[in-house]
Amino acid sequence: MARNISLMVVAAVLVCLLVAAPATAAVTCGQVAISVSGCLSYIRGQAPLTNTCCDGVRRLNIIAATTPDRQATCNCLKVFSGGMGNSLNPTLVSGLPARCGVRVPYPISTKTDCSKYVTLLE
């Protein structure tokens, strides 16, 4: 049952974000959703951090190689987290990249302006 709900959330996010993603970005919201799907229990505070989650976070960091990719990823994550309502722990969400050994050049928050702050690290 939980798997079906997660798949439904991912599908809804994909539909919403396919319209919002910039045309120049190569990263799709489907890739973003798949990459972070292993983190849902952790960012809800329901389970410890897993290797599966961190592997997805690291993979996402690698595939989001350009500024448009990072902006698209940021937008996907914002819509995804917004669709989860209050079930996410903002502290766990914002600290996830660092816990997985990934440096992200912008704050992980639903308030992040993806078009303004998301750029590649120099």
N, C-alpha and C. Protein backbone atom coordinates (compact mmCIF):
# COMPACT_ATOMS: atom_id res chain seq x y z
N MET A 1 0.82 -1.19 0.00
CA MET A 1 0.00 0.00 0.00
C MET A 1 0.87 1.25 0.00
N ALA A 2 1.89 1.31 0.87
CA ALA A 2 2.77 2.48 0.93
C ALA A 2 3.50 2.66 -0.40
N ARG A 3 3.87 1.55 -1.02
CA ARG A 3 4.55 1.64 -2.32
C ARG A 3 3.63 2.26 -3.37
N ASN A 4 2.35 1.87 -3.37
CA ASN A 4 1.39 2.43 -4.32
C ASN A 4 1.21 3.92 -4.10
N ILE A 5 1.16 4.34 -2.84
CA ILE A 5 1.01 5.77 -2.54
C ILE A 5 2.24 6.52 -3.02
N SER A 6 3.43 5.97 -2.77
CA SER A 6 4.66 6.61 -3.22
C SER A 6 4.68 6.73 -4.74
N LEU A 7 4.26 5.68 -5.44
CA LEU A 7 4.23 5.72 -6.90
C LEU A 7 3.23 6.75 -7.40
N MET A 8 2.10 6.87 -6.72
CA MET A 8 1.10 7.86 -7.12
C MET A 8 1.64 9.28 -6.92
N VAL A 9 2.34 9.50 -5.82
CA VAL A 9 2.93 10.81 -5.55
C VAL A 9 3.97 11.13 -6.62
N VAL A 10 4.82 10.16 -6.92
CA VAL A 10 5.85 10.36 -7.94
C VAL A 10 5.20 10.68 -9.28
N ALA A 11 4.16 9.94 -9.65
CA ALA A 11 3.48 10.18 -10.92
C ALA A 11 2.87 11.58 -10.97
N ALA A 12 2.24 12.00 -9.88
CA ALA A 12 1.65 13.34 -9.84
C ALA A 12 2.72 14.41 -9.96
N VAL A 13 3.82 14.21 -9.29
CA VAL A 13 4.93 15.17 -9.36
C VAL A 13 5.45 15.24 -10.79
N LEU A 14 5.59 14.11 -11.42
CA LEU A 14 6.10 14.08 -12.79
C LEU A 14 5.22 14.88 -13.73
N VAL A 15 3.93 14.69 -13.64
CA VAL A 15 3.01 15.40 -14.51
C VAL A 15 3.12 16.90 -14.29
N CYS A 16 3.14 17.32 -13.03
CA CYS A 16 3.24 18.75 -12.72
C CYS A 16 4.55 19.34 -13.21
N LEU A 17 5.61 18.61 -13.05
CA LEU A 17 6.92 19.16 -13.32
C LEU A 17 7.34 19.09 -14.78
N LEU A 18 6.75 18.20 -15.52
CA LEU A 18 7.08 18.15 -16.94
C LEU A 18 6.71 19.46 -17.62
N VAL A 19 5.67 20.08 -17.15
CA VAL A 19 5.25 21.36 -17.69
C VAL A 19 6.18 22.48 -17.23
N ALA A 20 6.67 22.40 -16.00
CA ALA A 20 7.46 23.48 -15.41
C ALA A 20 8.95 23.42 -15.74
N ALA A 21 9.46 22.27 -16.14
CA ALA A 21 10.90 22.12 -16.36
C ALA A 21 11.35 22.91 -17.57
N PRO A 22 12.48 23.62 -17.48
CA PRO A 22 13.00 24.36 -18.61
C PRO A 22 13.35 23.43 -19.76
N ALA A 23 13.14 23.91 -20.98
CA ALA A 23 13.36 23.08 -22.16
C ALA A 23 14.83 22.72 -22.34
N THR A 24 15.75 23.52 -21.79
CA THR A 24 17.17 23.26 -21.99
C THR A 24 17.74 22.26 -20.99
N ALA A 25 16.97 21.88 -20.01
CA ALA A 25 17.47 20.94 -19.01
C ALA A 25 17.36 19.51 -19.51
N ALA A 26 18.38 18.74 -19.23
CA ALA A 26 18.39 17.34 -19.62
C ALA A 26 17.85 16.44 -18.52
N VAL A 27 17.84 16.92 -17.28
CA VAL A 27 17.35 16.13 -16.15
C VAL A 27 15.83 16.21 -16.14
N THR A 28 15.19 15.07 -16.02
CA THR A 28 13.73 15.04 -15.96
C THR A 28 13.27 14.89 -14.52
N CYS A 29 12.04 15.26 -14.27
CA CYS A 29 11.49 15.09 -12.93
C CYS A 29 11.34 13.61 -12.60
N GLY A 30 11.21 12.79 -13.60
CA GLY A 30 11.18 11.35 -13.37
C GLY A 30 12.50 10.87 -12.79
N GLN A 31 13.60 11.36 -13.34
CA GLN A 31 14.92 11.00 -12.81
C GLN A 31 15.08 11.50 -11.37
N VAL A 32 14.61 12.70 -11.13
CA VAL A 32 14.71 13.27 -9.78
C VAL A 32 13.89 12.43 -8.80
N ALA A 33 12.65 12.13 -9.17
CA ALA A 33 11.78 11.36 -8.29
C ALA A 33 12.35 9.97 -7.99
N ILE A 34 12.85 9.32 -9.01
CA ILE A 34 13.45 7.99 -8.82
C ILE A 34 14.68 8.10 -7.92
N SER A 35 15.49 9.12 -8.13
CA SER A 35 16.72 9.27 -7.35
C SER A 35 16.45 9.47 -5.87
N VAL A 36 15.43 10.22 -5.54
CA VAL A 36 15.17 10.52 -4.13
C VAL A 36 14.11 9.62 -3.49
N SER A 37 13.53 8.72 -4.25
CA SER A 37 12.46 7.88 -3.70
C SER A 37 12.93 7.03 -2.52
N GLY A 38 14.20 6.65 -2.52
CA GLY A 38 14.73 5.87 -1.41
C GLY A 38 14.93 6.66 -0.13
N CYS A 39 14.66 7.96 -0.20
CA CYS A 39 14.87 8.84 0.97
C CYS A 39 13.57 9.19 1.69
N LEU A 40 12.44 8.78 1.15
CA LEU A 40 11.16 9.23 1.71
C LEU A 40 10.99 8.90 3.18
N SER A 41 11.28 7.68 3.57
CA SER A 41 11.11 7.31 4.98
C SER A 41 12.04 8.12 5.88
N TYR A 42 13.26 8.36 5.41
CA TYR A 42 14.21 9.13 6.20
C TYR A 42 13.74 10.58 6.38
N ILE A 43 13.36 11.25 5.29
CA ILE A 43 13.01 12.66 5.40
C ILE A 43 11.65 12.87 6.06
N ARG A 44 10.92 11.79 6.26
CA ARG A 44 9.69 11.85 7.06
C ARG A 44 9.99 11.57 8.53
N GLY A 45 11.23 11.21 8.84
CA GLY A 45 11.61 10.90 10.21
C GLY A 45 11.15 9.52 10.65
N GLN A 46 10.87 8.63 9.69
CA GLN A 46 10.34 7.31 10.00
C GLN A 46 11.38 6.21 9.99
N ALA A 47 12.56 6.50 9.45
CA ALA A 47 13.58 5.46 9.34
C ALA A 47 14.95 6.11 9.30
N PRO A 48 16.00 5.34 9.59
CA PRO A 48 17.35 5.90 9.51
C PRO A 48 17.76 6.12 8.05
N LEU A 49 18.78 6.92 7.87
CA LEU A 49 19.35 7.17 6.55
C LEU A 49 19.95 5.87 6.01
N THR A 50 19.70 5.59 4.73
CA THR A 50 20.18 4.34 4.13
C THR A 50 21.17 4.62 3.01
N ASN A 51 21.93 3.60 2.66
CA ASN A 51 22.84 3.70 1.51
C ASN A 51 22.05 3.92 0.23
N THR A 52 20.88 3.32 0.12
CA THR A 52 20.05 3.50 -1.08
C THR A 52 19.70 4.96 -1.27
N CYS A 53 19.32 5.62 -0.19
CA CYS A 53 18.99 7.04 -0.25
C CYS A 53 20.20 7.84 -0.71
N CYS A 54 21.34 7.64 -0.05
CA CYS A 54 22.53 8.42 -0.38
C CYS A 54 23.03 8.12 -1.79
N ASP A 55 22.91 6.87 -2.23
CA ASP A 55 23.29 6.54 -3.61
C ASP A 55 22.45 7.36 -4.59
N GLY A 56 21.15 7.49 -4.30
CA GLY A 56 20.27 8.29 -5.16
C GLY A 56 20.63 9.76 -5.14
N VAL A 57 20.95 10.28 -3.97
CA VAL A 57 21.34 11.69 -3.85
C VAL A 57 22.63 11.94 -4.63
N ARG A 58 23.59 11.05 -4.49
CA ARG A 58 24.85 11.21 -5.23
C ARG A 58 24.63 11.08 -6.73
N ARG A 59 23.79 10.15 -7.15
CA ARG A 59 23.49 9.97 -8.57
C ARG A 59 22.83 11.23 -9.13
N LEU A 60 21.90 11.78 -8.38
CA LEU A 60 21.22 13.00 -8.80
C LEU A 60 22.20 14.16 -8.94
N ASN A 61 23.13 14.27 -8.01
CA ASN A 61 24.14 15.32 -8.08
C ASN A 61 25.00 15.17 -9.34
N ILE A 62 25.28 13.95 -9.73
CA ILE A 62 26.10 13.71 -10.92
C ILE A 62 25.33 14.03 -12.20
N ILE A 63 24.06 13.62 -12.27
CA ILE A 63 23.32 13.85 -13.52
C ILE A 63 22.89 15.30 -13.69
N ALA A 64 22.79 16.04 -12.61
CA ALA A 64 22.46 17.47 -12.69
C ALA A 64 23.76 18.24 -12.90
N ALA A 65 24.31 18.13 -14.11
CA ALA A 65 25.66 18.61 -14.38
C ALA A 65 25.74 20.07 -14.84
N THR A 66 24.64 20.63 -15.28
CA THR A 66 24.66 22.01 -15.78
C THR A 66 23.74 22.88 -14.93
N THR A 67 23.86 24.18 -15.08
CA THR A 67 22.98 25.08 -14.34
C THR A 67 21.51 24.82 -14.68
N PRO A 68 21.12 24.67 -15.97
CA PRO A 68 19.71 24.35 -16.24
C PRO A 68 19.28 23.02 -15.61
N ASP A 69 20.18 22.04 -15.58
CA ASP A 69 19.85 20.76 -14.93
C ASP A 69 19.61 20.97 -13.44
N ARG A 70 20.47 21.75 -12.80
CA ARG A 70 20.32 21.99 -11.36
C ARG A 70 19.04 22.80 -11.07
N GLN A 71 18.72 23.73 -11.95
CA GLN A 71 17.50 24.50 -11.76
C GLN A 71 16.27 23.61 -11.93
N ALA A 72 16.30 22.74 -12.92
CA ALA A 72 15.18 21.81 -13.12
C ALA A 72 15.06 20.86 -11.93
N THR A 73 16.19 20.37 -11.45
CA THR A 73 16.19 19.48 -10.29
C THR A 73 15.61 20.20 -9.07
N CYS A 74 16.03 21.42 -8.86
CA CYS A 74 15.54 22.23 -7.75
C CYS A 74 14.02 22.39 -7.85
N ASN A 75 13.52 22.73 -9.03
CA ASN A 75 12.07 22.89 -9.22
C ASN A 75 11.33 21.58 -8.97
N CYS A 76 11.88 20.49 -9.45
CA CYS A 76 11.26 19.18 -9.22
C CYS A 76 11.18 18.87 -7.73
N LEU A 77 12.27 19.11 -7.03
CA LEU A 77 12.31 18.83 -5.59
C LEU A 77 11.32 19.72 -4.83
N LYS A 78 11.19 20.97 -5.26
CA LYS A 78 10.25 21.88 -4.60
C LYS A 78 8.81 21.40 -4.77
N VAL A 79 8.45 21.03 -5.97
CA VAL A 79 7.09 20.56 -6.21
C VAL A 79 6.86 19.24 -5.48
N PHE A 80 7.86 18.37 -5.54
CA PHE A 80 7.76 17.08 -4.87
C PHE A 80 7.54 17.27 -3.37
N SER A 81 8.36 18.12 -2.75
CA SER A 81 8.23 18.33 -1.31
C SER A 81 6.94 19.07 -0.97
N GLY A 82 6.52 20.00 -1.84
CA GLY A 82 5.26 20.69 -1.60
C GLY A 82 4.07 19.74 -1.63
N GLY A 83 4.15 18.73 -2.47
CA GLY A 83 3.08 17.75 -2.56
C GLY A 83 3.03 16.79 -1.38
N MET A 84 4.08 16.78 -0.58
CA MET A 84 4.13 15.89 0.57
C MET A 84 3.53 16.53 1.81
N GLY A 85 3.18 17.82 1.71
CA GLY A 85 2.57 18.52 2.84
C GLY A 85 3.49 18.60 4.04
N ASN A 86 2.93 18.42 5.20
CA ASN A 86 3.67 18.53 6.45
C ASN A 86 4.34 17.23 6.88
N SER A 87 4.33 16.23 6.01
CA SER A 87 4.89 14.93 6.41
C SER A 87 6.42 14.91 6.37
N LEU A 88 7.04 15.94 5.77
CA LEU A 88 8.49 15.98 5.69
C LEU A 88 9.08 16.79 6.84
N ASN A 89 10.22 16.34 7.31
CA ASN A 89 10.95 17.05 8.36
C ASN A 89 11.92 18.01 7.67
N PRO A 90 11.67 19.33 7.73
CA PRO A 90 12.52 20.29 7.00
C PRO A 90 14.00 20.21 7.38
N THR A 91 14.29 19.90 8.62
CA THR A 91 15.69 19.79 9.05
C THR A 91 16.36 18.60 8.40
N LEU A 92 15.67 17.47 8.34
CA LEU A 92 16.22 16.28 7.69
C LEU A 92 16.39 16.52 6.18
N VAL A 93 15.40 17.18 5.58
CA VAL A 93 15.46 17.47 4.14
C VAL A 93 16.66 18.36 3.83
N SER A 94 16.80 19.46 4.56
CA SER A 94 17.89 20.41 4.26
C SER A 94 19.27 19.82 4.52
N GLY A 95 19.37 18.91 5.47
CA GLY A 95 20.66 18.32 5.80
C GLY A 95 21.01 17.07 5.02
N LEU A 96 20.07 16.59 4.20
CA LEU A 96 20.28 15.33 3.48
C LEU A 96 21.51 15.33 2.58
N PRO A 97 21.72 16.33 1.72
CA PRO A 97 22.91 16.27 0.86
C PRO A 97 24.21 16.13 1.66
N ALA A 98 24.37 16.94 2.69
CA ALA A 98 25.59 16.88 3.49
C ALA A 98 25.75 15.52 4.17
N ARG A 99 24.65 14.97 4.67
CA ARG A 99 24.72 13.66 5.32
C ARG A 99 25.16 12.58 4.33
N CYS A 100 24.89 12.81 3.05
CA CYS A 100 25.28 11.85 2.01
C CYS A 100 26.60 12.22 1.34
N GLY A 101 27.27 13.26 1.86
CA GLY A 101 28.57 13.65 1.33
C GLY A 101 28.50 14.44 0.04
N VAL A 102 27.38 15.12 -0.19
CA VAL A 102 27.18 15.89 -1.42
C VAL A 102 27.09 17.37 -1.06
N ARG A 103 27.84 18.18 -1.77
CA ARG A 103 27.79 19.63 -1.56
C ARG A 103 26.84 20.23 -2.59
N VAL A 104 25.81 20.88 -2.11
CA VAL A 104 24.81 21.50 -2.98
C VAL A 104 24.95 23.01 -2.81
N PRO A 105 25.05 23.75 -3.93
CA PRO A 105 25.32 25.19 -3.85
C PRO A 105 24.11 26.08 -3.57
N TYR A 106 23.05 25.51 -3.04
CA TYR A 106 21.88 26.30 -2.70
C TYR A 106 21.16 25.63 -1.54
N PRO A 107 20.36 26.40 -0.80
CA PRO A 107 19.64 25.80 0.32
C PRO A 107 18.55 24.86 -0.17
N ILE A 108 18.39 23.74 0.51
CA ILE A 108 17.33 22.81 0.19
C ILE A 108 16.11 23.23 1.00
N SER A 109 15.20 23.90 0.32
CA SER A 109 14.03 24.45 0.99
C SER A 109 12.95 24.71 -0.06
N THR A 110 11.70 24.67 0.36
CA THR A 110 10.61 25.01 -0.56
C THR A 110 10.62 26.50 -0.87
N LYS A 111 11.39 27.28 -0.14
CA LYS A 111 11.47 28.72 -0.37
C LYS A 111 12.61 29.12 -1.31
N THR A 112 13.42 28.18 -1.73
CA THR A 112 14.55 28.48 -2.63
C THR A 112 14.02 28.95 -3.98
N ASP A 113 14.55 30.06 -4.47
CA ASP A 113 14.23 30.55 -5.81
C ASP A 113 15.18 29.84 -6.77
N CYS A 114 14.71 28.80 -7.40
CA CYS A 114 15.57 27.96 -8.24
C CYS A 114 16.16 28.72 -9.43
N SER A 115 15.47 29.72 -9.91
CA SER A 115 15.98 30.48 -11.06
C SER A 115 17.07 31.47 -10.66
N LYS A 116 17.12 31.83 -9.39
CA LYS A 116 18.05 32.87 -8.93
C LYS A 116 19.30 32.30 -8.28
N TYR A 117 19.16 31.28 -7.45
CA TYR A 117 20.27 30.83 -6.63
C TYR A 117 20.98 29.58 -7.11
N VAL A 118 20.39 28.86 -8.01
CA VAL A 118 20.95 27.56 -8.38
C VAL A 118 21.93 27.73 -9.54
N THR A 119 23.21 27.60 -9.21
CA THR A 119 24.27 27.64 -10.21
C THR A 119 25.28 26.55 -9.89
N LEU A 120 26.13 26.28 -10.82
CA LEU A 120 27.18 25.28 -10.60
C LEU A 120 28.23 25.81 -9.66
N LEU A 121 28.82 24.94 -8.90
CA LEU A 121 29.97 25.33 -8.08
C LEU A 121 31.16 25.59 -8.99
N GLU A 122 31.87 26.60 -8.71
CA GLU A 122 33.06 26.93 -9.52
C GLU A 122 34.26 26.21 -8.95
